[in-house]
N, C-alpha and C. Protein backbone atom coordinates (compact mmCIF):
# COMPACT_ATOMS: atom_id res chain seq x y z
N MET A 1 -111.96 -17.73 -85.53
CA MET A 1 -110.88 -18.38 -86.26
C MET A 1 -111.39 -19.67 -86.90
N HIS A 2 -110.97 -19.94 -88.10
CA HIS A 2 -111.33 -21.14 -88.83
C HIS A 2 -110.50 -22.31 -88.28
N PRO A 3 -111.13 -23.43 -87.89
CA PRO A 3 -110.37 -24.53 -87.29
C PRO A 3 -109.22 -25.06 -88.14
N LEU A 4 -109.33 -24.99 -89.46
CA LEU A 4 -108.26 -25.54 -90.29
C LEU A 4 -106.97 -24.74 -90.20
N GLU A 5 -107.04 -23.53 -89.67
CA GLU A 5 -105.83 -22.73 -89.52
C GLU A 5 -104.83 -23.40 -88.59
N ASP A 6 -105.32 -24.32 -87.77
CA ASP A 6 -104.45 -25.00 -86.80
C ASP A 6 -103.66 -26.16 -87.38
N PHE A 7 -103.98 -26.59 -88.59
CA PHE A 7 -103.42 -27.84 -89.08
C PHE A 7 -102.54 -27.66 -90.31
N ASN A 8 -101.51 -28.48 -90.35
CA ASN A 8 -100.63 -28.58 -91.51
C ASN A 8 -100.53 -30.04 -91.90
N ALA A 9 -100.29 -30.28 -93.15
CA ALA A 9 -100.03 -31.62 -93.65
C ALA A 9 -98.78 -31.53 -94.51
N HIS A 10 -98.44 -32.61 -95.16
CA HIS A 10 -97.32 -32.60 -96.08
C HIS A 10 -97.76 -33.17 -97.42
N SER A 11 -97.22 -32.60 -98.47
CA SER A 11 -97.49 -33.13 -99.81
C SER A 11 -96.70 -34.43 -99.96
N THR A 12 -97.00 -35.17 -101.01
CA THR A 12 -96.28 -36.43 -101.23
C THR A 12 -94.81 -36.21 -101.54
N ASP A 13 -94.44 -34.98 -101.91
CA ASP A 13 -93.02 -34.69 -102.13
C ASP A 13 -92.37 -33.99 -100.94
N GLY A 14 -93.07 -33.98 -99.80
CA GLY A 14 -92.48 -33.52 -98.55
C GLY A 14 -92.67 -32.06 -98.20
N HIS A 15 -93.33 -31.28 -99.04
CA HIS A 15 -93.55 -29.86 -98.73
C HIS A 15 -94.68 -29.69 -97.72
N SER A 16 -94.55 -28.68 -96.88
CA SER A 16 -95.59 -28.37 -95.91
C SER A 16 -96.82 -27.81 -96.63
N VAL A 17 -97.98 -28.29 -96.21
CA VAL A 17 -99.24 -27.82 -96.79
C VAL A 17 -100.10 -27.28 -95.65
N PRO A 18 -100.12 -25.94 -95.46
CA PRO A 18 -100.99 -25.38 -94.42
C PRO A 18 -102.44 -25.51 -94.86
N LEU A 19 -103.23 -26.18 -94.05
CA LEU A 19 -104.62 -26.41 -94.44
C LEU A 19 -105.47 -25.14 -94.40
N ARG A 20 -104.93 -24.07 -93.85
CA ARG A 20 -105.65 -22.79 -93.86
C ARG A 20 -105.89 -22.32 -95.29
N GLN A 21 -105.10 -22.82 -96.24
CA GLN A 21 -105.31 -22.42 -97.64
C GLN A 21 -106.65 -22.90 -98.16
N TYR A 22 -107.30 -23.83 -97.46
CA TYR A 22 -108.60 -24.33 -97.89
C TYR A 22 -109.76 -23.70 -97.11
N ALA A 23 -109.46 -22.74 -96.24
CA ALA A 23 -110.52 -22.06 -95.48
C ALA A 23 -111.51 -21.43 -96.46
N GLY A 24 -112.78 -21.55 -96.16
CA GLY A 24 -113.82 -20.99 -97.00
C GLY A 24 -114.29 -21.92 -98.10
N GLN A 25 -113.69 -23.09 -98.18
CA GLN A 25 -114.11 -24.08 -99.16
C GLN A 25 -114.76 -25.26 -98.43
N VAL A 26 -115.52 -26.05 -99.14
CA VAL A 26 -116.08 -27.27 -98.59
C VAL A 26 -115.05 -28.37 -98.82
N LEU A 27 -114.75 -29.12 -97.78
CA LEU A 27 -113.73 -30.16 -97.86
C LEU A 27 -114.35 -31.53 -97.68
N LEU A 28 -113.88 -32.48 -98.46
CA LEU A 28 -114.19 -33.88 -98.25
C LEU A 28 -112.85 -34.54 -97.96
N ILE A 29 -112.64 -34.92 -96.70
CA ILE A 29 -111.36 -35.45 -96.23
C ILE A 29 -111.53 -36.96 -96.07
N VAL A 30 -110.63 -37.71 -96.70
CA VAL A 30 -110.77 -39.16 -96.77
C VAL A 30 -109.44 -39.83 -96.46
N ASN A 31 -109.46 -40.86 -95.60
CA ASN A 31 -108.25 -41.68 -95.44
C ASN A 31 -108.31 -42.79 -96.48
N THR A 32 -107.30 -42.85 -97.33
CA THR A 32 -107.31 -43.72 -98.50
C THR A 32 -106.28 -44.85 -98.35
N ALA A 33 -106.39 -45.82 -99.24
CA ALA A 33 -105.41 -46.90 -99.34
C ALA A 33 -105.46 -47.47 -100.75
N SER A 34 -104.31 -47.89 -101.25
CA SER A 34 -104.20 -48.36 -102.63
C SER A 34 -104.55 -49.83 -102.82
N ALA A 35 -104.54 -50.62 -101.75
CA ALA A 35 -104.76 -52.06 -101.88
C ALA A 35 -105.94 -52.52 -101.03
N CYS A 36 -107.00 -51.75 -101.06
CA CYS A 36 -108.19 -52.00 -100.23
C CYS A 36 -109.35 -52.34 -101.16
N GLY A 37 -110.31 -53.08 -100.64
CA GLY A 37 -111.51 -53.36 -101.41
C GLY A 37 -112.27 -52.10 -101.79
N PHE A 38 -112.06 -51.03 -101.05
CA PHE A 38 -112.73 -49.76 -101.33
C PHE A 38 -111.91 -48.84 -102.24
N THR A 39 -110.72 -49.26 -102.64
CA THR A 39 -109.85 -48.43 -103.47
C THR A 39 -110.55 -47.89 -104.73
N PRO A 40 -111.44 -48.67 -105.38
CA PRO A 40 -112.14 -48.10 -106.55
C PRO A 40 -112.94 -46.83 -106.24
N GLN A 41 -113.18 -46.54 -104.95
CA GLN A 41 -113.84 -45.28 -104.61
C GLN A 41 -113.02 -44.07 -105.04
N LEU A 42 -111.74 -44.26 -105.29
CA LEU A 42 -110.93 -43.14 -105.78
C LEU A 42 -111.54 -42.56 -107.06
N ALA A 43 -112.10 -43.42 -107.91
CA ALA A 43 -112.74 -42.93 -109.13
C ALA A 43 -113.95 -42.07 -108.79
N GLY A 44 -114.73 -42.48 -107.82
CA GLY A 44 -115.90 -41.70 -107.39
C GLY A 44 -115.51 -40.40 -106.73
N LEU A 45 -114.44 -40.42 -105.95
CA LEU A 45 -113.95 -39.19 -105.33
C LEU A 45 -113.46 -38.22 -106.41
N GLN A 46 -112.78 -38.75 -107.42
CA GLN A 46 -112.33 -37.91 -108.53
C GLN A 46 -113.53 -37.32 -109.27
N ALA A 47 -114.58 -38.10 -109.45
CA ALA A 47 -115.79 -37.60 -110.12
C ALA A 47 -116.42 -36.46 -109.33
N LEU A 48 -116.48 -36.60 -108.00
CA LEU A 48 -117.00 -35.50 -107.16
C LEU A 48 -116.12 -34.27 -107.32
N HIS A 49 -114.82 -34.48 -107.30
CA HIS A 49 -113.87 -33.37 -107.45
C HIS A 49 -114.12 -32.64 -108.78
N GLN A 50 -114.25 -33.40 -109.85
CA GLN A 50 -114.47 -32.78 -111.16
C GLN A 50 -115.80 -32.05 -111.22
N GLN A 51 -116.82 -32.63 -110.61
CA GLN A 51 -118.15 -32.04 -110.69
C GLN A 51 -118.29 -30.78 -109.86
N TYR A 52 -117.65 -30.73 -108.70
CA TYR A 52 -117.92 -29.65 -107.75
C TYR A 52 -116.74 -28.72 -107.44
N ALA A 53 -115.57 -28.99 -107.97
CA ALA A 53 -114.41 -28.15 -107.63
C ALA A 53 -114.64 -26.68 -107.97
N ALA A 54 -115.24 -26.41 -109.11
CA ALA A 54 -115.46 -25.02 -109.52
C ALA A 54 -116.40 -24.29 -108.57
N GLN A 55 -117.22 -25.04 -107.83
CA GLN A 55 -118.14 -24.43 -106.86
C GLN A 55 -117.52 -24.33 -105.47
N GLY A 56 -116.33 -24.89 -105.28
CA GLY A 56 -115.65 -24.74 -103.99
C GLY A 56 -115.40 -26.01 -103.22
N LEU A 57 -115.58 -27.19 -103.83
CA LEU A 57 -115.27 -28.44 -103.13
C LEU A 57 -113.81 -28.79 -103.34
N VAL A 58 -113.15 -29.20 -102.26
CA VAL A 58 -111.80 -29.75 -102.34
C VAL A 58 -111.83 -31.13 -101.69
N VAL A 59 -111.45 -32.14 -102.46
CA VAL A 59 -111.28 -33.48 -101.91
C VAL A 59 -109.82 -33.59 -101.49
N LEU A 60 -109.60 -34.04 -100.26
CA LEU A 60 -108.24 -34.24 -99.75
C LEU A 60 -108.07 -35.71 -99.38
N GLY A 61 -107.15 -36.38 -100.04
CA GLY A 61 -106.87 -37.77 -99.73
C GLY A 61 -105.66 -37.89 -98.82
N PHE A 62 -105.84 -38.64 -97.74
CA PHE A 62 -104.75 -38.89 -96.80
C PHE A 62 -104.50 -40.39 -96.74
N PRO A 63 -103.51 -40.89 -97.47
CA PRO A 63 -103.21 -42.31 -97.41
C PRO A 63 -102.86 -42.75 -95.99
N CYS A 64 -103.26 -43.97 -95.67
CA CYS A 64 -103.04 -44.50 -94.33
C CYS A 64 -102.76 -46.00 -94.44
N ASN A 65 -101.77 -46.47 -93.71
CA ASN A 65 -101.37 -47.88 -93.75
C ASN A 65 -101.76 -48.61 -92.46
N GLN A 66 -102.68 -48.07 -91.68
CA GLN A 66 -103.03 -48.66 -90.40
C GLN A 66 -104.04 -49.80 -90.48
N PHE A 67 -104.64 -50.03 -91.62
CA PHE A 67 -105.68 -51.03 -91.74
C PHE A 67 -105.23 -52.13 -92.69
N GLY A 68 -104.81 -53.25 -92.15
CA GLY A 68 -104.40 -54.37 -92.98
C GLY A 68 -103.19 -54.08 -93.84
N THR A 69 -102.36 -53.13 -93.45
CA THR A 69 -101.19 -52.70 -94.23
C THR A 69 -101.53 -52.59 -95.72
N GLN A 70 -102.64 -51.92 -96.01
CA GLN A 70 -103.13 -51.79 -97.38
C GLN A 70 -102.60 -50.56 -98.10
N GLU A 71 -101.66 -49.86 -97.47
CA GLU A 71 -101.01 -48.70 -98.12
C GLU A 71 -99.52 -48.74 -97.81
N PRO A 72 -98.83 -49.79 -98.32
CA PRO A 72 -97.42 -49.95 -97.96
C PRO A 72 -96.45 -49.10 -98.76
N GLY A 73 -96.87 -48.52 -99.87
CA GLY A 73 -95.97 -47.79 -100.76
C GLY A 73 -95.45 -46.49 -100.18
N SER A 74 -94.47 -45.95 -100.87
CA SER A 74 -93.94 -44.63 -100.52
C SER A 74 -94.96 -43.57 -100.95
N ASN A 75 -94.77 -42.37 -100.47
CA ASN A 75 -95.66 -41.29 -100.86
C ASN A 75 -95.66 -41.08 -102.37
N ALA A 76 -94.50 -41.14 -102.98
CA ALA A 76 -94.42 -40.97 -104.44
C ALA A 76 -95.15 -42.10 -105.16
N GLU A 77 -94.98 -43.33 -104.69
CA GLU A 77 -95.67 -44.47 -105.30
C GLU A 77 -97.18 -44.34 -105.17
N ILE A 78 -97.63 -43.88 -104.03
CA ILE A 78 -99.07 -43.70 -103.80
C ILE A 78 -99.64 -42.66 -104.76
N ALA A 79 -98.96 -41.53 -104.87
CA ALA A 79 -99.43 -40.46 -105.77
C ALA A 79 -99.49 -40.96 -107.20
N GLN A 80 -98.46 -41.69 -107.63
CA GLN A 80 -98.43 -42.23 -108.99
C GLN A 80 -99.56 -43.23 -109.20
N PHE A 81 -99.79 -44.10 -108.23
CA PHE A 81 -100.85 -45.10 -108.34
C PHE A 81 -102.22 -44.43 -108.51
N CYS A 82 -102.50 -43.45 -107.67
CA CYS A 82 -103.80 -42.76 -107.71
C CYS A 82 -104.01 -42.07 -109.06
N GLN A 83 -102.98 -41.42 -109.57
CA GLN A 83 -103.11 -40.71 -110.84
C GLN A 83 -103.21 -41.69 -112.01
N ARG A 84 -102.33 -42.67 -112.02
CA ARG A 84 -102.28 -43.63 -113.13
C ARG A 84 -103.54 -44.49 -113.23
N ASN A 85 -104.04 -44.98 -112.10
CA ASN A 85 -105.14 -45.93 -112.12
C ASN A 85 -106.52 -45.30 -112.03
N TYR A 86 -106.61 -44.10 -111.45
CA TYR A 86 -107.93 -43.48 -111.24
C TYR A 86 -108.00 -42.04 -111.73
N GLY A 87 -106.94 -41.55 -112.36
CA GLY A 87 -106.95 -40.19 -112.88
C GLY A 87 -107.06 -39.12 -111.82
N VAL A 88 -106.66 -39.44 -110.60
CA VAL A 88 -106.81 -38.52 -109.48
C VAL A 88 -105.95 -37.27 -109.69
N ASP A 89 -106.62 -36.11 -109.63
CA ASP A 89 -105.86 -34.86 -109.63
C ASP A 89 -106.26 -33.97 -108.46
N PHE A 90 -107.08 -34.51 -107.54
CA PHE A 90 -107.30 -33.79 -106.28
C PHE A 90 -106.08 -34.03 -105.39
N PRO A 91 -105.85 -33.18 -104.38
CA PRO A 91 -104.65 -33.34 -103.55
C PRO A 91 -104.65 -34.67 -102.79
N VAL A 92 -103.60 -35.44 -103.03
CA VAL A 92 -103.30 -36.63 -102.23
C VAL A 92 -102.07 -36.25 -101.44
N LEU A 93 -102.22 -36.26 -100.13
CA LEU A 93 -101.15 -35.78 -99.26
C LEU A 93 -100.31 -36.94 -98.77
N ALA A 94 -99.31 -36.65 -97.97
CA ALA A 94 -98.42 -37.69 -97.46
C ALA A 94 -99.17 -38.63 -96.52
N LYS A 95 -98.67 -39.84 -96.44
CA LYS A 95 -99.25 -40.88 -95.60
C LYS A 95 -99.30 -40.42 -94.14
N VAL A 96 -100.41 -40.72 -93.47
CA VAL A 96 -100.61 -40.35 -92.07
C VAL A 96 -101.17 -41.54 -91.30
N GLU A 97 -101.13 -41.43 -89.99
CA GLU A 97 -101.88 -42.33 -89.11
C GLU A 97 -103.15 -41.59 -88.73
N VAL A 98 -104.26 -42.32 -88.59
CA VAL A 98 -105.54 -41.71 -88.24
C VAL A 98 -106.03 -42.13 -86.86
N ASN A 99 -105.42 -43.15 -86.29
CA ASN A 99 -105.78 -43.64 -84.96
C ASN A 99 -104.52 -43.76 -84.11
N GLY A 100 -104.72 -43.84 -82.80
CA GLY A 100 -103.61 -44.08 -81.89
C GLY A 100 -102.84 -42.83 -81.53
N ALA A 101 -101.76 -43.06 -80.80
CA ALA A 101 -100.94 -41.96 -80.29
C ALA A 101 -100.31 -41.14 -81.41
N GLY A 102 -100.07 -41.76 -82.56
CA GLY A 102 -99.44 -41.06 -83.67
C GLY A 102 -100.42 -40.47 -84.66
N ALA A 103 -101.70 -40.45 -84.31
CA ALA A 103 -102.71 -39.93 -85.24
C ALA A 103 -102.43 -38.47 -85.58
N HIS A 104 -102.58 -38.15 -86.85
CA HIS A 104 -102.39 -36.77 -87.31
C HIS A 104 -103.39 -35.88 -86.56
N PRO A 105 -102.96 -34.71 -86.12
CA PRO A 105 -103.86 -33.81 -85.37
C PRO A 105 -105.16 -33.50 -86.11
N LEU A 106 -105.14 -33.41 -87.44
CA LEU A 106 -106.37 -33.16 -88.18
C LEU A 106 -107.37 -34.29 -87.92
N PHE A 107 -106.91 -35.52 -87.96
CA PHE A 107 -107.82 -36.65 -87.75
C PHE A 107 -108.24 -36.76 -86.29
N GLN A 108 -107.41 -36.37 -85.36
CA GLN A 108 -107.83 -36.31 -83.96
C GLN A 108 -109.01 -35.35 -83.83
N TRP A 109 -108.89 -34.20 -84.48
CA TRP A 109 -109.94 -33.18 -84.43
C TRP A 109 -111.21 -33.65 -85.14
N LEU A 110 -111.05 -34.21 -86.35
CA LEU A 110 -112.22 -34.68 -87.10
C LEU A 110 -113.00 -35.73 -86.31
N LYS A 111 -112.30 -36.67 -85.72
CA LYS A 111 -112.97 -37.75 -84.96
C LYS A 111 -113.70 -37.20 -83.74
N ALA A 112 -113.12 -36.19 -83.11
CA ALA A 112 -113.78 -35.58 -81.94
C ALA A 112 -115.03 -34.81 -82.36
N GLN A 113 -114.97 -34.17 -83.53
CA GLN A 113 -116.10 -33.37 -84.02
C GLN A 113 -117.23 -34.24 -84.56
N ALA A 114 -116.90 -35.39 -85.11
CA ALA A 114 -117.91 -36.27 -85.72
C ALA A 114 -117.61 -37.71 -85.34
N PRO A 115 -117.99 -38.09 -84.11
CA PRO A 115 -117.75 -39.47 -83.70
C PRO A 115 -118.51 -40.46 -84.58
N GLY A 116 -118.03 -41.68 -84.54
CA GLY A 116 -118.67 -42.73 -85.32
C GLY A 116 -119.85 -43.35 -84.60
N LEU A 117 -120.23 -44.51 -85.06
CA LEU A 117 -121.35 -45.25 -84.51
C LEU A 117 -121.18 -45.44 -83.01
N LEU A 118 -122.23 -45.21 -82.26
CA LEU A 118 -122.25 -45.35 -80.80
C LEU A 118 -121.25 -44.43 -80.11
N GLY A 119 -120.88 -43.34 -80.78
CA GLY A 119 -120.00 -42.35 -80.16
C GLY A 119 -118.52 -42.70 -80.18
N THR A 120 -118.16 -43.80 -80.81
CA THR A 120 -116.74 -44.15 -80.87
C THR A 120 -116.01 -43.16 -81.77
N GLN A 121 -114.79 -42.87 -81.39
CA GLN A 121 -114.01 -41.93 -82.20
C GLN A 121 -113.10 -42.62 -83.18
N ALA A 122 -112.68 -43.82 -82.89
CA ALA A 122 -111.72 -44.49 -83.77
C ALA A 122 -112.27 -44.64 -85.18
N ILE A 123 -111.39 -44.48 -86.13
CA ILE A 123 -111.73 -44.77 -87.52
C ILE A 123 -111.58 -46.27 -87.69
N LYS A 124 -112.60 -46.90 -88.27
CA LYS A 124 -112.63 -48.36 -88.34
C LYS A 124 -111.92 -48.93 -89.56
N TRP A 125 -111.83 -48.16 -90.66
CA TRP A 125 -111.23 -48.71 -91.87
C TRP A 125 -110.90 -47.59 -92.85
N ASN A 126 -110.25 -47.97 -93.93
CA ASN A 126 -109.92 -47.05 -95.01
C ASN A 126 -111.21 -46.48 -95.62
N PHE A 127 -111.10 -45.30 -96.17
CA PHE A 127 -112.16 -44.60 -96.88
C PHE A 127 -113.30 -44.13 -95.97
N THR A 128 -112.96 -43.83 -94.71
CA THR A 128 -113.87 -43.07 -93.86
C THR A 128 -113.77 -41.64 -94.38
N LYS A 129 -114.93 -40.99 -94.48
CA LYS A 129 -114.99 -39.67 -95.11
C LYS A 129 -115.57 -38.65 -94.13
N PHE A 130 -115.03 -37.44 -94.17
CA PHE A 130 -115.52 -36.33 -93.36
C PHE A 130 -115.83 -35.16 -94.27
N LEU A 131 -117.05 -34.64 -94.18
CA LEU A 131 -117.45 -33.46 -94.94
C LEU A 131 -117.36 -32.26 -94.02
N VAL A 132 -116.59 -31.25 -94.43
CA VAL A 132 -116.36 -30.05 -93.64
C VAL A 132 -116.91 -28.86 -94.42
N GLY A 133 -117.73 -28.06 -93.76
CA GLY A 133 -118.34 -26.90 -94.40
C GLY A 133 -117.38 -25.74 -94.57
N ARG A 134 -117.84 -24.74 -95.31
CA ARG A 134 -117.02 -23.54 -95.56
C ARG A 134 -116.61 -22.84 -94.27
N ASP A 135 -117.44 -22.99 -93.23
CA ASP A 135 -117.15 -22.36 -91.94
C ASP A 135 -116.18 -23.17 -91.08
N GLY A 136 -115.73 -24.32 -91.59
CA GLY A 136 -114.78 -25.14 -90.85
C GLY A 136 -115.43 -26.13 -89.91
N ARG A 137 -116.74 -26.19 -89.89
CA ARG A 137 -117.42 -27.15 -89.02
C ARG A 137 -117.59 -28.48 -89.75
N VAL A 138 -117.39 -29.56 -89.00
CA VAL A 138 -117.60 -30.88 -89.59
C VAL A 138 -119.10 -31.10 -89.72
N ILE A 139 -119.54 -31.36 -90.92
CA ILE A 139 -120.95 -31.57 -91.20
C ILE A 139 -121.35 -33.01 -90.91
N ARG A 140 -120.51 -33.94 -91.38
CA ARG A 140 -120.89 -35.34 -91.23
C ARG A 140 -119.70 -36.26 -91.47
N ARG A 141 -119.77 -37.40 -90.83
CA ARG A 141 -118.80 -38.49 -91.03
C ARG A 141 -119.53 -39.61 -91.77
N TYR A 142 -118.84 -40.21 -92.75
CA TYR A 142 -119.43 -41.27 -93.56
C TYR A 142 -118.60 -42.54 -93.42
N ALA A 143 -119.27 -43.66 -93.39
CA ALA A 143 -118.62 -44.95 -93.27
C ALA A 143 -117.85 -45.29 -94.54
N PRO A 144 -116.86 -46.18 -94.41
CA PRO A 144 -116.08 -46.58 -95.59
C PRO A 144 -116.93 -47.11 -96.74
N GLN A 145 -117.97 -47.84 -96.44
CA GLN A 145 -118.79 -48.43 -97.50
C GLN A 145 -119.72 -47.43 -98.18
N THR A 146 -119.82 -46.21 -97.68
CA THR A 146 -120.64 -45.19 -98.33
C THR A 146 -119.94 -44.74 -99.60
N ALA A 147 -120.58 -45.00 -100.72
CA ALA A 147 -119.98 -44.65 -102.01
C ALA A 147 -119.95 -43.13 -102.19
N PRO A 148 -118.92 -42.62 -102.83
CA PRO A 148 -118.81 -41.17 -103.01
C PRO A 148 -120.06 -40.52 -103.62
N HIS A 149 -120.68 -41.14 -104.61
CA HIS A 149 -121.84 -40.51 -105.25
C HIS A 149 -123.00 -40.31 -104.26
N GLU A 150 -123.02 -41.09 -103.19
CA GLU A 150 -124.06 -40.95 -102.18
C GLU A 150 -123.92 -39.66 -101.36
N LEU A 151 -122.80 -38.99 -101.46
CA LEU A 151 -122.55 -37.75 -100.73
C LEU A 151 -122.98 -36.52 -101.50
N ALA A 152 -123.40 -36.68 -102.75
CA ALA A 152 -123.65 -35.53 -103.63
C ALA A 152 -124.65 -34.54 -103.04
N ALA A 153 -125.77 -35.02 -102.49
CA ALA A 153 -126.77 -34.09 -101.94
C ALA A 153 -126.21 -33.30 -100.77
N ASP A 154 -125.45 -33.95 -99.90
CA ASP A 154 -124.84 -33.25 -98.76
C ASP A 154 -123.79 -32.24 -99.23
N ILE A 155 -123.04 -32.61 -100.25
CA ILE A 155 -122.03 -31.69 -100.80
C ILE A 155 -122.71 -30.47 -101.41
N GLU A 156 -123.76 -30.70 -102.16
CA GLU A 156 -124.49 -29.58 -102.77
C GLU A 156 -125.07 -28.66 -101.71
N ALA A 157 -125.61 -29.24 -100.64
CA ALA A 157 -126.15 -28.41 -99.55
C ALA A 157 -125.03 -27.60 -98.89
N ALA A 158 -123.88 -28.21 -98.68
CA ALA A 158 -122.76 -27.51 -98.06
C ALA A 158 -122.25 -26.39 -98.96
N LEU A 159 -122.20 -26.66 -100.25
CA LEU A 159 -121.75 -25.63 -101.19
C LEU A 159 -122.71 -24.45 -101.26
N ALA A 160 -124.00 -24.73 -101.07
CA ALA A 160 -125.02 -23.67 -101.14
C ALA A 160 -125.11 -22.87 -99.85
N ALA A 161 -124.60 -23.42 -98.76
CA ALA A 161 -124.72 -22.75 -97.44
C ALA A 161 -123.87 -21.50 -97.37
């Protein structure tokens, strides 16, 4: 069974999004925020999406307000901000928590599969990225400061696998 079959998310307009629809594709899952120093990475994530979507890459943005309250807007406001300011047309899903008791089950799983520095599971800040292969295995976790273009070689390897 593909691990993503276990998870659902919600679109910014409240519809259920079964993540099993992305089984067999390479995923780049990112916790995003609109008012963060790393927010300009949305442009780089969009560039990756444009470059590799036809080969099977799906970028999934999960807004999160747990770090410095840098994502205070509504889901609709977040989606509009991403599209208007960065031309984002990859899926931006409803706001989630990534740490603590209310952490979305997908992020609980991602953190367990790819712990951070020194084995810690907690996500430290916005724009932590997880690359998931076509087989549903987490390939790697990337720090917030890792620019999207730095992931290109890993994405290409995952797409070729």
